[in-house]
Amino acid sequence: MTTANTTGARDHARSQAAAADRNGPELPTGLDATKVTFAQRIPSGGYANVVLARGSRVRLSDPQGAACAHLLLLRAESPWERLNVADTVKVPWQAYLGVGHPLLSDQGRVLATVVADSSGQHDTLCGPSAVARDRLRLSGVKQGLEPRDIGPTVSFFRGVRVESDGALTVTGGAGAGAAVELLVHLPVTLLVANAEHPLDPTPPTDLDLVVWSAPEELTLAHSTDPEYLRAVENTEQDWNARTLEAFA
């Protein structure tokens, strides 16, 4: 098939599209499909970017057992406020992500909370690999971001633990079907790359990303830790102040 003319180029493009794998992620059991706002299957070396509303619930899942999701969150209306991995570890007194763990911004506000986790194999210590950072930069460009906006990330589905001597040990994944879910507290731009971990070069398999609207969950207590409650209060005060300002 020639691409030397417009007709040939069109036919080639359409043949490529017809051959593309259009399989999307499976929705969680019982989820009303009308609530879904975004769904994408991200292949090895792929990425996604999407602006999410406050009250969105994000499900990242590992259908084949070797995905590695490098995640960065930036506040949608003011992207200078973004995920601060150091505070995400320091404020809750916990380096290992799990249910009830906040993903904090550099202003002490909760961008998202981990509300479900069947994996337990995550990493806040190593940041993105070179390939992951490249994909995140490509993803960010599509949201008007620059390379300097791509900072440290958290990684899901590839565990790392700290030994008593300070050495980092890779603990791998949790197997096919593991998932982690986040509740978004403020409008955010979500960037995610499915790429190898800096300490684990195992090629990743597909990563599924599904988002749906669940604003009613913002009223639930996802942790009773005082540090978490203060961060949520800080977040709500800021959100309410901005909302009142918009209607002034």
C-alpha atoms as a PDB file:
ATOM      1  CA  MET A   1       0.000   0.000   0.000  1.00  0.00           C
ATOM      2  CA  THR A   2       1.472   3.344  -1.047  1.00  0.00           C
ATOM      3  CA  THR A   3       1.444   6.482   1.103  1.00  0.00           C
ATOM      4  CA  ALA A   4       2.823   8.683  -1.673  1.00  0.00           C
ATOM      5  CA  ASN A   5      -0.535  10.393  -2.166  1.00  0.00           C
ATOM      6  CA  THR A   6      -3.403  11.511   0.039  1.00  0.00           C
ATOM      7  CA  THR A   7      -5.674   8.614  -0.897  1.00  0.00           C
ATOM      8  CA  GLY A   8      -3.001   6.030  -0.140  1.00  0.00           C
ATOM      9  CA  ALA A   9      -2.092   7.711   3.136  1.00  0.00           C
ATOM     10  CA  ARG A  10      -5.748   7.738   4.164  1.00  0.00           C
ATOM     11  CA  ASP A  11      -6.208   4.064   3.316  1.00  0.00           C
ATOM     12  CA  HIS A  12      -3.047   3.153   5.227  1.00  0.00           C
ATOM     13  CA  ALA A  13      -4.162   5.103   8.282  1.00  0.00           C
ATOM     14  CA  ARG A  14      -7.586   3.439   8.225  1.00  0.00           C
ATOM     15  CA  SER A  15      -6.059  -0.009   7.903  1.00  0.00           C
ATOM     16  CA  GLN A  16      -3.857   0.690  10.922  1.00  0.00           C
ATOM     17  CA  ALA A  17      -6.854   1.842  12.922  1.00  0.00           C
ATOM     18  CA  ALA A  18      -8.812  -1.265  11.985  1.00  0.00           C
ATOM     19  CA  ALA A  19      -5.967  -3.479  13.205  1.00  0.00           C
ATOM     20  CA  ALA A  20      -5.531  -1.648  16.502  1.00  0.00           C
ATOM     21  CA  ASP A  21      -6.402  -3.411  19.735  1.00  0.00           C
ATOM     22  CA  ARG A  22      -9.440  -1.585  21.082  1.00  0.00           C
ATOM     23  CA  ASN A  23      -9.855  -3.698  24.196  1.00  0.00           C
ATOM     24  CA  GLY A  24     -10.565  -1.430  27.108  1.00  0.00           C
ATOM     25  CA  PRO A  25     -10.294  -2.024  30.841  1.00  0.00           C
ATOM     26  CA  GLU A  26     -12.895  -4.124  32.597  1.00  0.00           C
ATOM     27  CA  LEU A  27     -15.128  -2.134  34.933  1.00  0.00           C
ATOM     28  CA  PRO A  28     -15.295  -3.080  38.616  1.00  0.00           C
ATOM     29  CA  THR A  29     -18.124  -5.434  39.466  1.00  0.00           C
ATOM     30  CA  GLY A  30     -21.303  -3.550  40.282  1.00  0.00           C
ATOM     31  CA  LEU A  31     -20.123  -0.180  38.972  1.00  0.00           C
ATOM     32  CA  ASP A  32     -22.794   1.760  37.076  1.00  0.00           C
ATOM     33  CA  ALA A  33     -21.241   2.411  33.657  1.00  0.00           C
ATOM     34  CA  THR A  34     -23.025   5.770  33.426  1.00  0.00           C
ATOM     35  CA  LYS A  35     -20.834   7.047  36.276  1.00  0.00           C
ATOM     36  CA  VAL A  36     -17.585   6.310  34.420  1.00  0.00           C
ATOM     37  CA  THR A  37     -15.836   9.491  33.291  1.00  0.00           C
ATOM     38  CA  PHE A  38     -12.606   7.991  31.919  1.00  0.00           C
ATOM     39  CA  ALA A  39     -11.363   4.509  31.055  1.00  0.00           C
ATOM     40  CA  GLN A  40      -8.160   3.479  29.310  1.00  0.00           C
ATOM     41  CA  ARG A  41      -5.959   0.419  29.007  1.00  0.00           C
ATOM     42  CA  ILE A  42      -2.342   1.579  29.064  1.00  0.00           C
ATOM     43  CA  PRO A  43       0.153  -0.755  27.369  1.00  0.00           C
ATOM     44  CA  SER A  44       3.764  -1.290  28.362  1.00  0.00           C
ATOM     45  CA  GLY A  45       5.618   1.965  27.766  1.00  0.00           C
ATOM     46  CA  GLY A  46       2.353   3.882  27.479  1.00  0.00           C
ATOM     47  CA  TYR A  47       0.924   6.780  29.434  1.00  0.00           C
ATOM     48  CA  ALA A  48      -2.290   8.632  30.153  1.00  0.00           C
ATOM     49  CA  ASN A  49      -3.227  12.152  31.169  1.00  0.00           C
ATOM     50  CA  VAL A  50      -6.613  13.408  32.313  1.00  0.00           C
ATOM     51  CA  VAL A  51      -8.070  16.283  34.329  1.00  0.00           C
ATOM     52  CA  LEU A  52     -10.252  14.939  37.156  1.00  0.00           C
ATOM     53  CA  ALA A  53     -12.976  16.618  39.152  1.00  0.00           C
ATOM     54  CA  ARG A  54     -13.103  16.716  42.921  1.00  0.00           C
ATOM     55  CA  GLY A  55     -14.893  13.582  44.093  1.00  0.00           C
ATOM     56  CA  SER A  56     -13.549  11.345  41.326  1.00  0.00           C
ATOM     57  CA  ARG A  57     -12.634   7.787  42.251  1.00  0.00           C
ATOM     58  CA  VAL A  58      -9.628   6.397  40.403  1.00  0.00           C
ATOM     59  CA  ARG A  59      -8.997   2.663  40.018  1.00  0.00           C
ATOM     60  CA  LEU A  60      -5.615   1.453  38.814  1.00  0.00           C
ATOM     61  CA  SER A  61      -5.491  -2.285  38.207  1.00  0.00           C
ATOM     62  CA  ASP A  62      -2.904  -4.826  37.120  1.00  0.00           C
ATOM     63  CA  PRO A  63      -4.780  -7.405  35.013  1.00  0.00           C
ATOM     64  CA  GLN A  64      -1.732  -9.471  34.035  1.00  0.00           C
ATOM     65  CA  GLY A  65       0.427  -9.055  37.113  1.00  0.00           C
ATOM     66  CA  ALA A  66       3.416  -6.959  36.007  1.00  0.00           C
ATOM     67  CA  ALA A  67       2.156  -3.388  35.546  1.00  0.00           C
ATOM     68  CA  CYS A  68       4.105  -0.508  37.079  1.00  0.00           C
ATOM     69  CA  ALA A  69       2.152   2.721  37.442  1.00  0.00           C
ATOM     70  CA  HIS A  70       4.235   5.867  38.026  1.00  0.00           C
ATOM     71  CA  LEU A  71       1.738   8.487  39.210  1.00  0.00           C
ATOM     72  CA  LEU A  72       1.941  12.268  39.470  1.00  0.00           C
ATOM     73  CA  LEU A  73      -0.881  14.592  40.545  1.00  0.00           C
ATOM     74  CA  LEU A  74      -0.945  18.357  40.003  1.00  0.00           C
ATOM     75  CA  ARG A  75      -3.701  20.721  41.032  1.00  0.00           C
ATOM     76  CA  ALA A  76      -5.670  21.402  37.878  1.00  0.00           C
ATOM     77  CA  GLU A  77      -6.275  25.139  38.272  1.00  0.00           C
ATOM     78  CA  SER A  78      -2.859  25.885  39.804  1.00  0.00           C
ATOM     79  CA  PRO A  79      -0.328  23.256  38.702  1.00  0.00           C
ATOM     80  CA  TRP A  80       2.451  24.793  40.775  1.00  0.00           C
ATOM     81  CA  GLU A  81       0.768  22.891  43.640  1.00  0.00           C
ATOM     82  CA  ARG A  82       1.564  19.241  43.080  1.00  0.00           C
ATOM     83  CA  LEU A  83       2.241  15.919  44.726  1.00  0.00           C
ATOM     84  CA  ASN A  84       4.956  16.194  47.348  1.00  0.00           C
ATOM     85  CA  VAL A  85       6.269  12.690  47.940  1.00  0.00           C
ATOM     86  CA  ALA A  86       8.392  13.736  50.917  1.00  0.00           C
ATOM     87  CA  ASP A  87       5.361  15.123  52.777  1.00  0.00           C
ATOM     88  CA  THR A  88       3.249  12.166  51.651  1.00  0.00           C
ATOM     89  CA  VAL A  89       5.691   9.962  53.567  1.00  0.00           C
ATOM     90  CA  LYS A  90       6.560  12.313  56.440  1.00  0.00           C
ATOM     91  CA  VAL A  91       3.181  13.643  57.582  1.00  0.00           C
ATOM     92  CA  PRO A  92       1.459  10.239  58.064  1.00  0.00           C
ATOM     93  CA  TRP A  93       4.654   8.785  59.614  1.00  0.00           C
ATOM     94  CA  GLN A  94       4.541   5.994  57.042  1.00  0.00           C
ATOM     95  CA  ALA A  95       6.651   5.284  53.939  1.00  0.00           C
ATOM     96  CA  TYR A  96       4.489   2.435  52.692  1.00  0.00           C
ATOM     97  CA  LEU A  97       1.248   3.280  50.918  1.00  0.00           C
ATOM     98  CA  GLY A  98      -1.982   1.604  51.985  1.00  0.00           C
ATOM     99  CA  VAL A  99      -5.647   2.296  52.689  1.00  0.00           C
ATOM    100  CA  GLY A 100      -6.142   5.666  54.384  1.00  0.00           C
ATOM    101  CA  HIS A 101      -2.828   7.103  53.178  1.00  0.00           C
ATOM    102  CA  PRO A 102      -3.083  10.659  51.779  1.00  0.00           C
ATOM    103  CA  LEU A 103      -1.224  11.839  48.703  1.00  0.00           C
ATOM    104  CA  LEU A 104      -0.296  15.330  49.869  1.00  0.00           C
ATOM    105  CA  SER A 105       0.590  18.484  47.987  1.00  0.00           C
ATOM    106  CA  ASP A 106       3.432  20.794  48.926  1.00  0.00           C
ATOM    107  CA  GLN A 107       0.804  23.016  50.592  1.00  0.00           C
ATOM    108  CA  GLY A 108      -0.258  20.323  53.037  1.00  0.00           C
ATOM    109  CA  ARG A 109      -3.490  19.586  51.224  1.00  0.00           C
ATOM    110  CA  VAL A 110      -4.871  16.179  50.292  1.00  0.00           C
ATOM    111  CA  LEU A 111      -4.887  15.707  46.528  1.00  0.00           C
ATOM    112  CA  ALA A 112      -6.107  12.110  46.877  1.00  0.00           C
ATOM    113  CA  THR A 113      -6.508   9.347  49.439  1.00  0.00           C
ATOM    114  CA  VAL A 114      -5.865   5.639  48.970  1.00  0.00           C
ATOM    115  CA  VAL A 115      -9.294   4.130  49.710  1.00  0.00           C
ATOM    116  CA  ALA A 116      -8.829   0.531  48.512  1.00  0.00           C
ATOM    117  CA  ASP A 117      -5.787  -1.651  47.918  1.00  0.00           C
ATOM    118  CA  SER A 118      -5.519  -5.354  47.093  1.00  0.00           C
ATOM    119  CA  SER A 119      -1.855  -5.109  46.093  1.00  0.00           C
ATOM    120  CA  GLY A 120       0.184  -3.659  48.953  1.00  0.00           C
ATOM    121  CA  GLN A 121       3.206  -3.550  46.645  1.00  0.00           C
ATOM    122  CA  HIS A 122       4.000   0.111  46.058  1.00  0.00           C
ATOM    123  CA  ASP A 123       6.934   2.518  46.252  1.00  0.00           C
ATOM    124  CA  THR A 124       7.386   6.087  47.487  1.00  0.00           C
ATOM    125  CA  LEU A 125      11.186   5.975  47.666  1.00  0.00           C
ATOM    126  CA  CYS A 126      12.725   5.598  44.210  1.00  0.00           C
ATOM    127  CA  GLY A 127      10.821   7.921  41.895  1.00  0.00           C
ATOM    128  CA  PRO A 128      10.323   7.265  38.185  1.00  0.00           C
ATOM    129  CA  SER A 129      12.738   5.379  35.965  1.00  0.00           C
ATOM    130  CA  ALA A 130      14.261   7.198  32.981  1.00  0.00           C
ATOM    131  CA  VAL A 131      11.662   5.671  30.672  1.00  0.00           C
ATOM    132  CA  ALA A 132       8.831   6.578  33.027  1.00  0.00           C
ATOM    133  CA  ARG A 133      10.036  10.177  33.339  1.00  0.00           C
ATOM    134  CA  ASP A 134      10.193  10.470  29.559  1.00  0.00           C
ATOM    135  CA  ARG A 135       6.604   9.207  29.233  1.00  0.00           C
ATOM    136  CA  LEU A 136       5.417  11.527  31.994  1.00  0.00           C
ATOM    137  CA  ARG A 137       6.974  14.470  30.198  1.00  0.00           C
ATOM    138  CA  LEU A 138       5.166  13.491  27.003  1.00  0.00           C
ATOM    139  CA  SER A 139       1.961  13.124  28.978  1.00  0.00           C
ATOM    140  CA  GLY A 140       2.433  16.484  30.653  1.00  0.00           C
ATOM    141  CA  VAL A 141       3.017  18.332  27.383  1.00  0.00           C
ATOM    142  CA  LYS A 142      -0.523  17.409  26.356  1.00  0.00           C
ATOM    143  CA  GLN A 143      -1.769  19.269  29.438  1.00  0.00           C
ATOM    144  CA  GLY A 144       0.389  22.349  28.832  1.00  0.00           C
ATOM    145  CA  LEU A 145       3.071  21.312  31.314  1.00  0.00           C
ATOM    146  CA  GLU A 146       6.828  21.612  30.885  1.00  0.00           C
ATOM    147  CA  PRO A 147       9.581  19.089  31.712  1.00  0.00           C
ATOM    148  CA  ARG A 148      10.391  21.035  34.895  1.00  0.00           C
ATOM    149  CA  ASP A 149       6.840  20.294  36.116  1.00  0.00           C
ATOM    150  CA  ILE A 150       7.551  16.557  36.294  1.00  0.00           C
ATOM    151  CA  GLY A 151       8.750  15.896  39.816  1.00  0.00           C
ATOM    152  CA  PRO A 152       9.037  12.792  42.019  1.00  0.00           C
ATOM    153  CA  THR A 153       6.258  10.228  41.702  1.00  0.00           C
ATOM    154  CA  VAL A 154       4.779   7.324  43.602  1.00  0.00           C
ATOM    155  CA  SER A 155       4.747   3.898  41.941  1.00  0.00           C
ATOM    156  CA  PHE A 156       2.023   1.302  42.272  1.00  0.00           C
ATOM    157  CA  PHE A 157       2.341  -2.484  41.801  1.00  0.00           C
ATOM    158  CA  ARG A 158       6.135  -2.733  42.313  1.00  0.00           C
ATOM    159  CA  GLY A 159       7.014  -2.922  45.985  1.00  0.00           C
ATOM    160  CA  VAL A 160      10.198  -1.657  47.655  1.00  0.00           C
ATOM    161  CA  ARG A 161      11.136  -2.117  51.315  1.00  0.00           C
ATOM    162  CA  VAL A 162      13.909  -0.572  53.422  1.00  0.00           C
ATOM    163  CA  GLU A 163      16.170  -3.009  55.262  1.00  0.00           C
ATOM    164  CA  SER A 164      17.634  -2.320  58.730  1.00  0.00           C
ATOM    165  CA  ASP A 165      20.920  -1.264  57.109  1.00  0.00           C
ATOM    166  CA  GLY A 166      19.161   1.188  54.781  1.00  0.00           C
ATOM    167  CA  ALA A 167      19.347  -0.988  51.677  1.00  0.00           C
ATOM    168  CA  LEU A 168      16.352  -1.044  49.359  1.00  0.00           C
ATOM    169  CA  THR A 169      14.869  -4.427  48.496  1.00  0.00           C
ATOM    170  CA  VAL A 170      12.501  -4.970  45.598  1.00  0.00           C
ATOM    171  CA  THR A 171       9.502  -7.078  46.615  1.00  0.00           C
ATOM    172  CA  GLY A 172       7.801  -7.257  43.206  1.00  0.00           C
ATOM    173  CA  GLY A 173       4.088  -7.233  42.523  1.00  0.00           C
ATOM    174  CA  ALA A 174       1.036  -8.913  44.009  1.00  0.00           C
ATOM    175  CA  GLY A 175       0.041 -10.901  40.931  1.00  0.00           C
ATOM    176  CA  ALA A 176      -2.653 -10.582  38.303  1.00  0.00           C
ATOM    177  CA  GLY A 177      -5.828  -8.789  39.295  1.00  0.00           C
ATOM    178  CA  ALA A 178      -4.417  -6.510  41.998  1.00  0.00           C
ATOM    179  CA  ALA A 179      -5.881  -3.015  42.184  1.00  0.00           C
ATOM    180  CA  VAL A 180      -5.571   0.242  44.086  1.00  0.00           C
ATOM    181  CA  GLU A 181      -8.199   2.985  44.272  1.00  0.00           C
ATOM    182  CA  LEU A 182      -7.854   6.683  45.048  1.00  0.00           C
ATOM    183  CA  LEU A 183     -10.426   9.311  45.979  1.00  0.00           C
ATOM    184  CA  VAL A 184      -9.647  12.763  44.541  1.00  0.00           C
ATOM    185  CA  HIS A 185     -10.167  15.639  47.004  1.00  0.00           C
ATOM    186  CA  LEU A 186      -9.307  18.560  44.722  1.00  0.00           C
ATOM    187  CA  PRO A 187      -9.463  18.992  40.928  1.00  0.00           C
ATOM    188  CA  VAL A 188      -6.226  17.487  39.640  1.00  0.00           C
ATOM    189  CA  THR A 189      -4.356  16.713  36.472  1.00  0.00           C
ATOM    190  CA  LEU A 190      -3.412  13.054  36.667  1.00  0.00           C
ATOM    191  CA  LEU A 191      -0.343  11.830  34.790  1.00  0.00           C
ATOM    192  CA  VAL A 192       0.527   8.137  34.801  1.00  0.00           C
ATOM    193  CA  ALA A 193       3.187   6.140  32.957  1.00  0.00           C
ATOM    194  CA  ASN A 194       3.298   2.358  32.726  1.00  0.00           C
ATOM    195  CA  ALA A 195       7.033   1.737  32.601  1.00  0.00           C
ATOM    196  CA  GLU A 196       9.784  -0.251  34.303  1.00  0.00           C
ATOM    197  CA  HIS A 197      10.749   0.534  37.885  1.00  0.00           C
ATOM    198  CA  PRO A 198      14.259   1.987  38.466  1.00  0.00           C
ATOM    199  CA  LEU A 199      15.214  -1.016  40.627  1.00  0.00           C
ATOM    200  CA  ASP A 200      13.192  -3.629  38.728  1.00  0.00           C
ATOM    201  CA  PRO A 201      13.719  -3.784  34.941  1.00  0.00           C
ATOM    202  CA  THR A 202      10.974  -6.385  34.431  1.00  0.00           C
ATOM    203  CA  PRO A 203       8.985  -5.228  31.371  1.00  0.00           C
ATOM    204  CA  PRO A 204       5.537  -4.090  32.490  1.00  0.00           C
ATOM    205  CA  THR A 205       2.276  -5.569  31.279  1.00  0.00           C
ATOM    206  CA  ASP A 206      -0.961  -3.682  30.652  1.00  0.00           C
ATOM    207  CA  LEU A 207      -2.243  -1.180  33.216  1.00  0.00           C
ATOM    208  CA  ASP A 208      -5.966  -0.406  33.497  1.00  0.00           C
ATOM    209  CA  LEU A 209      -7.225   3.035  34.521  1.00  0.00           C
ATOM    210  CA  VAL A 210     -10.912   3.597  35.290  1.00  0.00           C
ATOM    211  CA  VAL A 211     -12.369   6.773  36.803  1.00  0.00           C
ATOM    212  CA  TRP A 212     -15.907   7.399  37.986  1.00  0.00           C
ATOM    213  CA  SER A 213     -17.800  10.069  39.881  1.00  0.00           C
ATOM    214  CA  ALA A 214     -18.197   9.453  43.629  1.00  0.00           C
ATOM    215  CA  PRO A 215     -18.452  12.866  45.369  1.00  0.00           C
ATOM    216  CA  GLU A 216     -20.513  11.384  48.206  1.00  0.00           C
ATOM    217  CA  GLU A 217     -17.380   9.577  49.407  1.00  0.00           C
ATOM    218  CA  LEU A 218     -15.761  12.882  50.355  1.00  0.00           C
ATOM    219  CA  THR A 219     -17.958  12.932  53.469  1.00  0.00           C
ATOM    220  CA  LEU A 220     -16.597   9.582  54.701  1.00  0.00           C
ATOM    221  CA  ALA A 221     -13.743   9.222  57.217  1.00  0.00           C
ATOM    222  CA  HIS A 222     -11.006   7.329  55.382  1.00  0.00           C
ATOM    223  CA  SER A 223      -8.570   7.600  58.287  1.00  0.00           C
ATOM    224  CA  THR A 224      -8.794   8.658  61.918  1.00  0.00           C
ATOM    225  CA  ASP A 225      -5.144   9.654  62.218  1.00  0.00           C
ATOM    226  CA  PRO A 226      -4.899  13.248  63.519  1.00  0.00           C
ATOM    227  CA  GLU A 227      -2.395  14.213  60.817  1.00  0.00           C
ATOM    228  CA  TYR A 228      -4.808  13.026  58.124  1.00  0.00           C
ATOM    229  CA  LEU A 229      -7.774  14.834  59.667  1.00  0.00           C
ATOM    230  CA  ARG A 230      -5.819  18.108  59.847  1.00  0.00           C
ATOM    231  CA  ALA A 231      -4.791  17.762  56.191  1.00  0.00           C
ATOM    232  CA  VAL A 232      -8.407  17.126  55.168  1.00  0.00           C
ATOM    233  CA  GLU A 233      -9.535  20.175  57.185  1.00  0.00           C
ATOM    234  CA  ASN A 234      -6.881  22.294  55.461  1.00  0.00           C
ATOM    235  CA  THR A 235      -8.065  20.983  52.096  1.00  0.00           C
ATOM    236  CA  GLU A 236     -11.750  21.670  52.759  1.00  0.00           C
ATOM    237  CA  GLN A 237     -11.068  25.186  54.043  1.00  0.00           C
ATOM    238  CA  ASP A 238      -9.157  26.036  50.887  1.00  0.00           C
ATOM    239  CA  TRP A 239     -11.806  24.490  48.628  1.00  0.00           C
ATOM    240  CA  ASN A 240     -14.674  26.258  50.368  1.00  0.00           C
ATOM    241  CA  ALA A 241     -12.857  29.601  50.285  1.00  0.00           C
ATOM    242  CA  ARG A 242     -12.259  29.280  46.542  1.00  0.00           C
ATOM    243  CA  THR A 243     -15.849  28.218  45.950  1.00  0.00           C
ATOM    244  CA  LEU A 244     -17.227  31.224  47.846  1.00  0.00           C
ATOM    245  CA  GLU A 245     -14.836  33.511  45.976  1.00  0.00           C
ATOM    246  CA  ALA A 246     -16.118  32.196  42.656  1.00  0.00           C
ATOM    247  CA  PHE A 247     -19.672  33.223  43.570  1.00  0.00           C
ATOM    248  CA  ALA A 248     -18.752  36.578  45.121  1.00  0.00           C
END
